[in-house]
Amino acid sequence: MNFTEDQIIRYSRHILLQDVGVDGQEKISKGKVLIVGAGGLGAPVAFYLAAAGVGTIGIIDGDVVDLSNLQRQIIHFTQDVDKPKVLSAKEKISQLNPDVNVITYQTLLSSENAPEIINDYDFVVDGTDNFPVKFLINDACVIAGKPFSHGGILRFDGQTLTHVPGTACYRCLFHAPPPPNAVPTCSQAGVLGAIAGMLGTIQAAEVLKYLTGVGELLTNKLLSFNAKTMEFRTIKTKRSEKCPVCGSNPTITQLVDYAQAACEIKTKR
């Protein structure tokens, strides 16, 4: 593709990178990324992918902006309260970078719509705050052969991993959603707002690395951190042959909607 003079200036700091250059920016500009959730994680992911010039960004979220969201969901402003999150996010992305094509889905991701929606994208970002959708994203992406970034935050902790076909998936580490009421929600336990930005930018970096082919992804690794101590820990993982969705003899071949919902929690240290 032929970049305009303004685009060359806009993306000049990428183009100057030896590992990215014009070819890498072209790959970014042709990329199609779906962000599931326009909240704490989805907000910084969307901002940085839009700033980077990702050609098509899809955003799916059925919720509206609440005043309590503004402590961490930086893509939404005070005047956006009660506005659908996908519309609020699209407005900010369009103001930041008109090069980006934003596709909105004002609905919840479900077992019925996930295959069709995910199929149109190169990479999926899990920016959700509940276990049912996290497992749905994992299963839908594994079945469809799509790479994705998992992310979860609670209190002062965050965790993330990246899956590409053939590597460990979310179910390889966490086999099934926890039982009802086993895990507190963010509204019950709280979350430090800046944690969302820390993890969201890591997820955005993973997307850009995948699109450009630069560096090593967080595949077969679980990265976790605690903001109180600023300690980061990387746990090596591997694909489980017994995994019910990506193992040698998968038992999960169809998507399921789980009923229980809760925010993500950190792994045991």
Protein backbone atom coordinates (compact mmCIF):
# COMPACT_ATOMS: atom_id res chain seq x y z
CA MET A 1 0.00 0.00 0.00
CA ASN A 2 1.11 3.57 -0.63
CA PHE A 3 1.23 5.70 2.50
CA THR A 4 0.37 9.37 2.22
CA GLU A 5 2.81 12.00 3.46
CA ASP A 6 0.66 12.53 6.56
CA GLN A 7 0.62 8.79 7.27
CA ILE A 8 4.38 8.57 6.95
CA ILE A 9 4.69 11.36 9.51
CA ARG A 10 2.04 9.81 11.79
CA TYR A 11 3.73 6.39 11.83
CA SER A 12 7.31 7.66 11.53
CA ARG A 13 8.39 6.33 14.93
CA HIS A 14 7.33 2.84 13.84
CA ILE A 15 8.93 3.19 10.43
CA LEU A 16 12.21 4.25 12.05
CA LEU A 17 12.34 0.97 13.97
CA GLN A 18 14.64 -1.41 12.13
CA ASP A 19 12.45 -4.38 13.08
CA VAL A 20 9.26 -2.70 11.84
CA GLY A 21 9.93 -0.27 9.01
CA VAL A 22 7.52 0.40 6.17
CA ASP A 23 6.78 -3.29 5.67
CA GLY A 24 5.84 -3.73 9.30
CA GLN A 25 3.62 -0.66 9.30
CA GLU A 26 1.92 -1.98 6.19
CA LYS A 27 1.17 -5.23 8.04
CA ILE A 28 -0.26 -3.24 10.94
CA SER A 29 -2.39 -1.17 8.58
CA LYS A 30 -3.79 -4.32 6.98
CA GLY A 31 -4.48 -5.97 10.33
CA LYS A 32 -7.96 -6.75 11.62
CA VAL A 33 -8.31 -7.05 15.41
CA LEU A 34 -11.39 -7.81 17.49
CA ILE A 35 -11.54 -6.43 21.04
CA VAL A 36 -14.06 -8.18 23.27
CA GLY A 37 -15.07 -5.68 25.94
CA ALA A 38 -14.72 -1.89 25.83
CA GLY A 39 -13.89 -1.57 29.51
CA GLY A 40 -10.77 -1.41 31.64
CA LEU A 41 -8.60 -3.57 29.38
CA GLY A 42 -10.33 -2.89 26.09
CA ALA A 43 -9.91 0.89 26.49
CA PRO A 44 -6.08 1.05 26.45
CA VAL A 45 -5.90 -1.77 23.92
CA ALA A 46 -8.19 0.14 21.55
CA PHE A 47 -6.33 3.42 22.03
CA TYR A 48 -2.89 1.98 21.33
CA LEU A 49 -3.98 -0.17 18.40
CA ALA A 50 -5.74 2.83 16.88
CA ALA A 51 -2.68 5.02 17.44
CA ALA A 52 -0.53 2.34 15.79
CA GLY A 53 -2.75 2.39 12.72
CA VAL A 54 -4.36 -1.05 12.86
CA GLY A 55 -6.56 -1.02 9.78
CA THR A 56 -9.73 -2.54 11.22
CA ILE A 57 -10.70 -2.66 14.87
CA GLY A 58 -13.86 -4.49 15.90
CA ILE A 59 -15.33 -3.79 19.34
CA ILE A 60 -18.04 -5.90 20.93
CA ASP A 61 -19.74 -4.87 24.17
CA GLY A 62 -23.41 -4.75 25.11
CA ASP A 63 -23.03 -2.43 28.10
CA VAL A 64 -23.40 1.32 28.56
CA VAL A 65 -20.95 3.65 30.27
CA ASP A 66 -21.42 3.92 34.04
CA LEU A 67 -19.93 6.60 36.28
CA SER A 68 -18.00 3.92 38.19
CA ASN A 69 -16.28 2.87 34.94
CA LEU A 70 -14.43 6.16 34.55
CA GLN A 71 -11.87 5.33 37.27
CA ARG A 72 -10.14 2.93 34.83
CA GLN A 73 -11.93 2.82 31.45
CA ILE A 74 -10.02 5.72 29.94
CA ILE A 75 -11.66 5.67 26.52
CA HIS A 76 -14.91 6.93 28.08
CA PHE A 77 -15.45 10.47 29.38
CA THR A 78 -17.91 11.95 31.89
CA GLN A 79 -20.29 13.08 29.15
CA ASP A 80 -20.44 9.49 27.87
CA VAL A 81 -22.28 8.16 30.94
CA ASP A 82 -25.30 6.09 29.79
CA LYS A 83 -23.96 5.95 26.22
CA PRO A 84 -23.29 2.51 24.68
CA LYS A 85 -19.63 1.71 25.27
CA VAL A 86 -19.00 0.66 21.67
CA LEU A 87 -20.25 4.01 20.37
CA SER A 88 -18.24 5.96 22.94
CA ALA A 89 -15.12 3.99 22.03
CA LYS A 90 -15.67 4.44 18.30
CA GLU A 91 -15.96 8.21 18.71
CA LYS A 92 -12.61 8.45 20.53
CA ILE A 93 -10.82 6.15 18.08
CA SER A 94 -12.10 8.15 15.13
CA GLN A 95 -10.84 11.36 16.71
CA LEU A 96 -7.46 9.82 17.44
CA ASN A 97 -6.91 8.22 14.04
CA PRO A 98 -9.35 8.57 11.13
CA ASP A 99 -7.35 5.94 9.21
CA VAL A 100 -8.89 3.21 11.36
CA ASN A 101 -12.06 1.42 10.31
CA VAL A 102 -14.05 0.75 13.49
CA ILE A 103 -16.74 -1.94 13.45
CA THR A 104 -19.05 -2.01 16.48
CA TYR A 105 -21.18 -4.83 17.86
CA GLN A 106 -23.55 -3.51 20.50
CA THR A 107 -24.25 -6.91 22.00
CA LEU A 108 -22.71 -9.55 24.22
CA LEU A 109 -20.47 -12.23 22.77
CA SER A 110 -22.30 -15.55 22.86
CA SER A 111 -21.99 -19.09 21.61
CA GLU A 112 -24.34 -18.17 18.77
CA ASN A 113 -22.60 -15.06 17.41
CA ALA A 114 -18.96 -15.78 18.35
CA PRO A 115 -18.02 -18.00 15.37
CA GLU A 116 -19.33 -15.56 12.77
CA ILE A 117 -17.86 -12.46 14.41
CA ILE A 118 -14.44 -13.93 15.23
CA ASN A 119 -14.04 -15.38 11.75
CA ASP A 120 -13.58 -11.91 10.24
CA TYR A 121 -10.50 -11.03 12.31
CA ASP A 122 -6.79 -11.87 12.42
CA PHE A 123 -6.44 -11.60 16.20
CA VAL A 124 -8.80 -11.44 19.19
CA VAL A 125 -8.20 -9.58 22.46
CA ASP A 126 -9.96 -10.71 25.63
CA GLY A 127 -10.76 -7.51 27.49
CA THR A 128 -13.61 -8.97 29.53
CA ASP A 129 -14.15 -9.13 33.27
CA ASN A 130 -15.97 -12.43 33.62
CA PHE A 131 -15.06 -16.09 33.41
CA PRO A 132 -17.88 -17.30 31.14
CA VAL A 133 -16.82 -15.04 28.28
CA LYS A 134 -13.13 -15.75 28.84
CA PHE A 135 -13.74 -19.45 28.34
CA LEU A 136 -16.03 -18.72 25.39
CA ILE A 137 -13.32 -16.59 23.73
CA ASN A 138 -10.75 -19.31 24.32
CA ASP A 139 -12.91 -22.09 22.94
CA ALA A 140 -14.14 -20.08 19.95
CA CYS A 141 -10.61 -19.03 19.00
CA VAL A 142 -9.09 -22.48 19.44
CA ILE A 143 -11.84 -24.11 17.38
CA ALA A 144 -11.52 -21.45 14.67
CA GLY A 145 -7.71 -21.50 14.73
CA LYS A 146 -7.49 -17.83 15.72
CA PRO A 147 -4.76 -16.31 17.93
CA PHE A 148 -5.86 -14.34 20.96
CA SER A 149 -4.60 -12.49 24.04
CA HIS A 150 -6.10 -13.33 27.43
CA GLY A 151 -6.06 -10.70 30.14
CA GLY A 152 -7.44 -10.48 33.66
CA ILE A 153 -7.21 -7.98 36.52
CA LEU A 154 -8.38 -7.80 40.13
CA ARG A 155 -7.35 -5.62 43.07
CA PHE A 156 -3.61 -4.97 42.43
CA ASP A 157 -2.93 -7.97 40.19
CA GLY A 158 -2.92 -8.71 36.49
CA GLN A 159 -2.21 -11.69 34.29
CA THR A 160 -1.99 -12.37 30.57
CA LEU A 161 -1.04 -15.00 28.03
CA THR A 162 -1.08 -15.21 24.25
CA HIS A 163 -2.35 -18.20 22.33
CA VAL A 164 -1.61 -19.10 18.75
CA PRO A 165 -2.58 -22.45 17.23
CA GLY A 166 -0.43 -25.22 18.64
CA THR A 167 0.45 -23.45 21.91
CA ALA A 168 -1.11 -23.65 25.38
CA CYS A 169 -4.60 -22.20 25.57
CA TYR A 170 -6.48 -20.78 28.56
CA ARG A 171 -8.06 -24.16 29.32
CA CYS A 172 -4.67 -25.82 29.48
CA LEU A 173 -4.09 -23.80 32.66
CA PHE A 174 -7.64 -23.25 33.93
CA HIS A 175 -9.81 -26.20 32.98
CA ALA A 176 -13.27 -24.78 33.70
CA PRO A 177 -14.99 -21.71 35.16
CA PRO A 178 -14.98 -21.58 38.97
CA PRO A 179 -18.18 -22.51 40.81
CA PRO A 180 -20.71 -19.73 41.50
CA ASN A 181 -19.73 -17.27 44.25
CA ALA A 182 -16.20 -18.70 44.48
CA VAL A 183 -14.55 -15.54 43.19
CA PRO A 184 -15.33 -11.91 44.09
CA THR A 185 -16.23 -9.45 41.38
CA CYS A 186 -14.41 -6.18 40.78
CA SER A 187 -17.35 -4.33 42.29
CA GLN A 188 -16.92 -6.43 45.45
CA ALA A 189 -13.14 -6.57 45.72
CA GLY A 190 -12.11 -3.42 43.84
CA VAL A 191 -9.36 -2.84 41.30
CA LEU A 192 -6.61 -0.22 41.06
CA GLY A 193 -7.45 1.74 37.93
CA ALA A 194 -3.91 1.97 36.58
CA ILE A 195 -3.66 -1.84 36.58
CA ALA A 196 -6.00 -1.90 33.60
CA GLY A 197 -3.66 0.40 31.70
CA MET A 198 -0.61 -1.66 32.59
CA LEU A 199 -2.10 -4.91 31.37
CA GLY A 200 -3.97 -3.41 28.42
CA THR A 201 -0.80 -1.94 26.95
CA ILE A 202 0.94 -5.30 27.30
CA GLN A 203 -1.92 -6.90 25.37
CA ALA A 204 -1.73 -4.19 22.70
CA ALA A 205 2.01 -4.83 22.35
CA GLU A 206 1.32 -8.54 21.85
CA VAL A 207 -1.10 -7.71 19.04
CA LEU A 208 1.42 -5.48 17.27
CA LYS A 209 4.17 -8.08 17.69
CA TYR A 210 1.90 -10.70 16.17
CA LEU A 211 0.91 -8.53 13.20
CA THR A 212 4.51 -7.54 12.43
CA GLY A 213 6.18 -10.82 13.38
CA VAL A 214 8.59 -8.95 15.66
CA GLY A 215 9.89 -10.40 18.92
CA GLU A 216 8.64 -13.28 21.05
CA LEU A 217 5.00 -13.58 22.03
CA LEU A 218 3.74 -14.62 25.45
CA THR A 219 2.95 -18.08 24.11
CA ASN A 220 3.40 -21.03 26.46
CA LYS A 221 3.86 -18.44 29.21
CA LEU A 222 1.65 -16.83 31.81
CA LEU A 223 2.78 -13.34 32.77
CA SER A 224 1.50 -12.08 36.11
CA PHE A 225 2.31 -8.98 38.13
CA ASN A 226 1.48 -7.31 41.42
CA ALA A 227 1.41 -3.52 41.40
CA LYS A 228 2.02 -3.23 45.15
CA THR A 229 5.51 -4.65 44.80
CA MET A 230 5.93 -4.15 41.03
CA GLU A 231 7.02 -7.75 40.79
CA PHE A 232 6.52 -9.45 37.44
CA ARG A 233 6.58 -13.22 37.14
CA THR A 234 6.58 -15.38 34.01
CA ILE A 235 5.43 -18.97 34.42
CA LYS A 236 6.32 -21.38 31.64
CA THR A 237 3.43 -23.50 30.42
CA LYS A 238 2.80 -25.97 27.64
CA ARG A 239 -0.14 -27.31 25.69
CA SER A 240 -1.86 -30.10 27.56
CA GLU A 241 -2.55 -33.24 25.58
CA LYS A 242 -5.56 -33.71 27.86
CA CYS A 243 -6.96 -30.21 27.27
CA PRO A 244 -10.66 -30.59 26.44
CA VAL A 245 -10.48 -28.08 23.58
CA CYS A 246 -6.92 -28.07 22.17
CA GLY A 247 -5.70 -31.50 23.29
CA SER A 248 -5.19 -34.64 21.23
CA ASN A 249 -8.76 -35.83 21.78
CA PRO A 250 -10.88 -32.71 22.34
CA THR A 251 -14.23 -33.18 24.01
CA ILE A 252 -15.32 -29.57 23.50
CA THR A 253 -16.26 -29.17 19.86
CA GLN A 254 -19.20 -26.81 20.29
CA LEU A 255 -19.44 -23.52 22.15
CA VAL A 256 -21.26 -23.24 25.47
CA ASP A 257 -22.59 -20.22 27.35
CA TYR A 258 -21.74 -20.51 31.06
CA ALA A 259 -24.03 -18.84 33.59
CA GLN A 260 -21.65 -17.74 36.34
CA ALA A 261 -19.89 -14.39 35.99
CA ALA A 262 -16.98 -12.95 37.98
CA CYS A 263 -13.87 -10.87 37.46
CA GLU A 264 -10.57 -12.56 36.72
CA ILE A 265 -8.22 -13.35 39.59
CA LYS A 266 -4.50 -13.81 39.86
CA THR A 267 -2.80 -17.18 39.88
CA LYS A 268 -1.49 -18.58 43.13
CA ARG A 269 2.01 -17.48 43.94
